[in-house]
Amino acid sequence: MRVVEARLLEGNIDAFSARFTLTPVDGGTRTEIDFKIHVDPDIPLPSSVFSRENERAAGRTVRALRARVSEGPLRAS
Protein backbone atom coordinates (compact mmCIF):
# COMPACT_ATOMS: atom_id res chain seq x y z
CA MET A 1 0.00 0.00 0.00
CA ARG A 2 1.15 3.54 -0.75
CA VAL A 3 -0.31 6.80 0.53
CA VAL A 4 0.02 10.17 -1.22
CA GLU A 5 -1.17 13.27 0.63
CA ALA A 6 -1.55 16.89 -0.43
CA ARG A 7 -2.58 20.02 1.40
CA LEU A 8 -3.02 23.69 0.65
CA LEU A 9 -0.24 25.93 1.89
CA GLU A 10 -1.95 29.15 0.88
CA GLY A 11 -4.76 30.17 -1.43
CA ASN A 12 -8.27 31.53 -1.73
CA ILE A 13 -9.98 28.83 0.36
CA ASP A 14 -9.73 28.20 4.10
CA ALA A 15 -8.54 24.59 3.86
CA PHE A 16 -7.82 21.84 1.35
CA SER A 17 -6.39 18.39 1.86
CA ALA A 18 -6.41 15.25 -0.26
CA ARG A 19 -5.31 11.69 0.38
CA PHE A 20 -4.83 8.89 -2.15
CA THR A 21 -4.37 5.37 -0.78
CA LEU A 22 -3.12 2.99 -3.48
CA THR A 23 -3.39 -0.74 -2.81
CA PRO A 24 -2.16 -3.42 -5.25
CA VAL A 25 -4.80 -6.03 -6.15
CA ASP A 26 -4.99 -9.03 -8.50
CA GLY A 27 -1.37 -9.96 -7.82
CA GLY A 28 -0.17 -6.42 -8.46
CA THR A 29 -1.64 -6.20 -11.98
CA ARG A 30 -4.22 -3.64 -10.86
CA THR A 31 -4.45 -0.94 -8.22
CA GLU A 32 -7.36 0.01 -5.99
CA ILE A 33 -7.41 3.72 -5.17
CA ASP A 34 -9.20 5.29 -2.23
CA PHE A 35 -9.45 9.06 -2.70
CA LYS A 36 -10.49 11.42 0.10
CA ILE A 37 -10.71 15.17 -0.14
CA HIS A 38 -11.56 17.93 2.33
CA VAL A 39 -12.31 21.46 1.16
CA ASP A 40 -13.41 24.37 3.32
CA PRO A 41 -14.29 27.30 1.04
CA ASP A 42 -14.00 30.90 2.11
CA ILE A 43 -17.34 31.78 0.49
CA PRO A 44 -20.92 31.24 1.62
CA LEU A 45 -22.47 28.51 -0.55
CA PRO A 46 -25.54 26.35 -0.12
CA SER A 47 -24.40 22.81 0.68
CA SER A 48 -26.15 21.47 -2.45
CA VAL A 49 -23.99 23.67 -4.71
CA PHE A 50 -20.83 22.74 -2.87
CA SER A 51 -21.66 19.01 -2.93
CA ARG A 52 -22.29 19.11 -6.68
CA GLU A 53 -18.97 20.86 -7.32
CA ASN A 54 -17.15 18.36 -5.09
CA GLU A 55 -18.57 15.50 -7.18
CA ARG A 56 -17.46 17.19 -10.40
CA ALA A 57 -13.98 17.86 -9.01
CA ALA A 58 -13.64 14.25 -7.86
CA GLY A 59 -14.62 13.07 -11.35
CA ARG A 60 -12.03 15.35 -12.95
CA THR A 61 -9.39 14.06 -10.53
CA VAL A 62 -10.13 10.42 -11.35
CA ARG A 63 -10.09 11.11 -15.11
CA ALA A 64 -6.76 12.96 -14.82
CA LEU A 65 -5.30 10.11 -12.76
CA ARG A 66 -6.43 7.53 -15.34
CA ALA A 67 -4.91 9.60 -18.15
CA ARG A 68 -1.61 9.91 -16.28
CA VAL A 69 -1.48 6.19 -15.48
CA SER A 70 -2.09 5.31 -19.14
CA GLU A 71 1.08 7.27 -20.06
CA GLY A 72 3.23 4.71 -18.23
CA PRO A 73 5.95 5.11 -15.60
CA LEU A 74 7.74 8.41 -15.06
CA ARG A 75 11.31 8.50 -16.28
CA ALA A 76 14.11 10.39 -14.62
CA SER A 77 15.46 13.31 -16.67
C-alpha atoms as a PDB file:
ATOM      1  CA  MET A   1       0.000   0.000   0.000  1.00  0.00           C
ATOM      2  CA  ARG A   2       1.153   3.535  -0.750  1.00  0.00           C
ATOM      3  CA  VAL A   3      -0.310   6.802   0.531  1.00  0.00           C
ATOM      4  CA  VAL A   4       0.016  10.167  -1.222  1.00  0.00           C
ATOM      5  CA  GLU A   5      -1.170  13.268   0.634  1.00  0.00           C
ATOM      6  CA  ALA A   6      -1.553  16.891  -0.428  1.00  0.00           C
ATOM      7  CA  ARG A   7      -2.580  20.019   1.404  1.00  0.00           C
ATOM      8  CA  LEU A   8      -3.022  23.687   0.648  1.00  0.00           C
ATOM      9  CA  LEU A   9      -0.241  25.929   1.894  1.00  0.00           C
ATOM     10  CA  GLU A  10      -1.947  29.151   0.883  1.00  0.00           C
ATOM     11  CA  GLY A  11      -4.762  30.171  -1.433  1.00  0.00           C
ATOM     12  CA  ASN A  12      -8.267  31.534  -1.731  1.00  0.00           C
ATOM     13  CA  ILE A  13      -9.977  28.833   0.363  1.00  0.00           C
ATOM     14  CA  ASP A  14      -9.732  28.197   4.099  1.00  0.00           C
ATOM     15  CA  ALA A  15      -8.543  24.588   3.860  1.00  0.00           C
ATOM     16  CA  PHE A  16      -7.817  21.842   1.350  1.00  0.00           C
ATOM     17  CA  SER A  17      -6.387  18.390   1.860  1.00  0.00           C
ATOM     18  CA  ALA A  18      -6.407  15.250  -0.262  1.00  0.00           C
ATOM     19  CA  ARG A  19      -5.306  11.689   0.375  1.00  0.00           C
ATOM     20  CA  PHE A  20      -4.833   8.893  -2.149  1.00  0.00           C
ATOM     21  CA  THR A  21      -4.365   5.371  -0.777  1.00  0.00           C
ATOM     22  CA  LEU A  22      -3.120   2.986  -3.481  1.00  0.00           C
ATOM     23  CA  THR A  23      -3.393  -0.743  -2.806  1.00  0.00           C
ATOM     24  CA  PRO A  24      -2.156  -3.416  -5.254  1.00  0.00           C
ATOM     25  CA  VAL A  25      -4.800  -6.030  -6.148  1.00  0.00           C
ATOM     26  CA  ASP A  26      -4.986  -9.028  -8.497  1.00  0.00           C
ATOM     27  CA  GLY A  27      -1.372  -9.955  -7.815  1.00  0.00           C
ATOM     28  CA  GLY A  28      -0.171  -6.418  -8.465  1.00  0.00           C
ATOM     29  CA  THR A  29      -1.638  -6.198 -11.978  1.00  0.00           C
ATOM     30  CA  ARG A  30      -4.218  -3.639 -10.862  1.00  0.00           C
ATOM     31  CA  THR A  31      -4.447  -0.938  -8.224  1.00  0.00           C
ATOM     32  CA  GLU A  32      -7.358   0.011  -5.995  1.00  0.00           C
ATOM     33  CA  ILE A  33      -7.412   3.719  -5.172  1.00  0.00           C
ATOM     34  CA  ASP A  34      -9.200   5.286  -2.227  1.00  0.00           C
ATOM     35  CA  PHE A  35      -9.450   9.060  -2.695  1.00  0.00           C
ATOM     36  CA  LYS A  36     -10.491  11.416   0.099  1.00  0.00           C
ATOM     37  CA  ILE A  37     -10.715  15.173  -0.136  1.00  0.00           C
ATOM     38  CA  HIS A  38     -11.562  17.929   2.332  1.00  0.00           C
ATOM     39  CA  VAL A  39     -12.308  21.463   1.164  1.00  0.00           C
ATOM     40  CA  ASP A  40     -13.409  24.369   3.323  1.00  0.00           C
ATOM     41  CA  PRO A  41     -14.292  27.298   1.039  1.00  0.00           C
ATOM     42  CA  ASP A  42     -14.000  30.898   2.114  1.00  0.00           C
ATOM     43  CA  ILE A  43     -17.337  31.781   0.495  1.00  0.00           C
ATOM     44  CA  PRO A  44     -20.916  31.238   1.618  1.00  0.00           C
ATOM     45  CA  LEU A  45     -22.473  28.513  -0.551  1.00  0.00           C
ATOM     46  CA  PRO A  46     -25.537  26.348  -0.122  1.00  0.00           C
ATOM     47  CA  SER A  47     -24.396  22.807   0.676  1.00  0.00           C
ATOM     48  CA  SER A  48     -26.154  21.470  -2.455  1.00  0.00           C
ATOM     49  CA  VAL A  49     -23.995  23.668  -4.709  1.00  0.00           C
ATOM     50  CA  PHE A  50     -20.827  22.745  -2.870  1.00  0.00           C
ATOM     51  CA  SER A  51     -21.658  19.008  -2.927  1.00  0.00           C
ATOM     52  CA  ARG A  52     -22.291  19.107  -6.681  1.00  0.00           C
ATOM     53  CA  GLU A  53     -18.975  20.862  -7.316  1.00  0.00           C
ATOM     54  CA  ASN A  54     -17.147  18.358  -5.092  1.00  0.00           C
ATOM     55  CA  GLU A  55     -18.571  15.504  -7.178  1.00  0.00           C
ATOM     56  CA  ARG A  56     -17.459  17.194 -10.404  1.00  0.00           C
ATOM     57  CA  ALA A  57     -13.977  17.860  -9.014  1.00  0.00           C
ATOM     58  CA  ALA A  58     -13.637  14.248  -7.863  1.00  0.00           C
ATOM     59  CA  GLY A  59     -14.619  13.065 -11.347  1.00  0.00           C
ATOM     60  CA  ARG A  60     -12.027  15.353 -12.948  1.00  0.00           C
ATOM     61  CA  THR A  61      -9.388  14.063 -10.534  1.00  0.00           C
ATOM     62  CA  VAL A  62     -10.128  10.419 -11.349  1.00  0.00           C
ATOM     63  CA  ARG A  63     -10.091  11.110 -15.113  1.00  0.00           C
ATOM     64  CA  ALA A  64      -6.760  12.961 -14.815  1.00  0.00           C
ATOM     65  CA  LEU A  65      -5.299  10.111 -12.762  1.00  0.00           C
ATOM     66  CA  ARG A  66      -6.430   7.527 -15.338  1.00  0.00           C
ATOM     67  CA  ALA A  67      -4.909   9.598 -18.147  1.00  0.00           C
ATOM     68  CA  ARG A  68      -1.610   9.911 -16.276  1.00  0.00           C
ATOM     69  CA  VAL A  69      -1.475   6.186 -15.479  1.00  0.00           C
ATOM     70  CA  SER A  70      -2.086   5.307 -19.142  1.00  0.00           C
ATOM     71  CA  GLU A  71       1.076   7.272 -20.057  1.00  0.00           C
ATOM     72  CA  GLY A  72       3.226   4.714 -18.226  1.00  0.00           C
ATOM     73  CA  PRO A  73       5.952   5.108 -15.603  1.00  0.00           C
ATOM     74  CA  LEU A  74       7.741   8.408 -15.057  1.00  0.00           C
ATOM     75  CA  ARG A  75      11.312   8.500 -16.277  1.00  0.00           C
ATOM     76  CA  ALA A  76      14.111  10.389 -14.616  1.00  0.00           C
ATOM     77  CA  SER A  77      15.462  13.309 -16.672  1.00  0.00           C
END
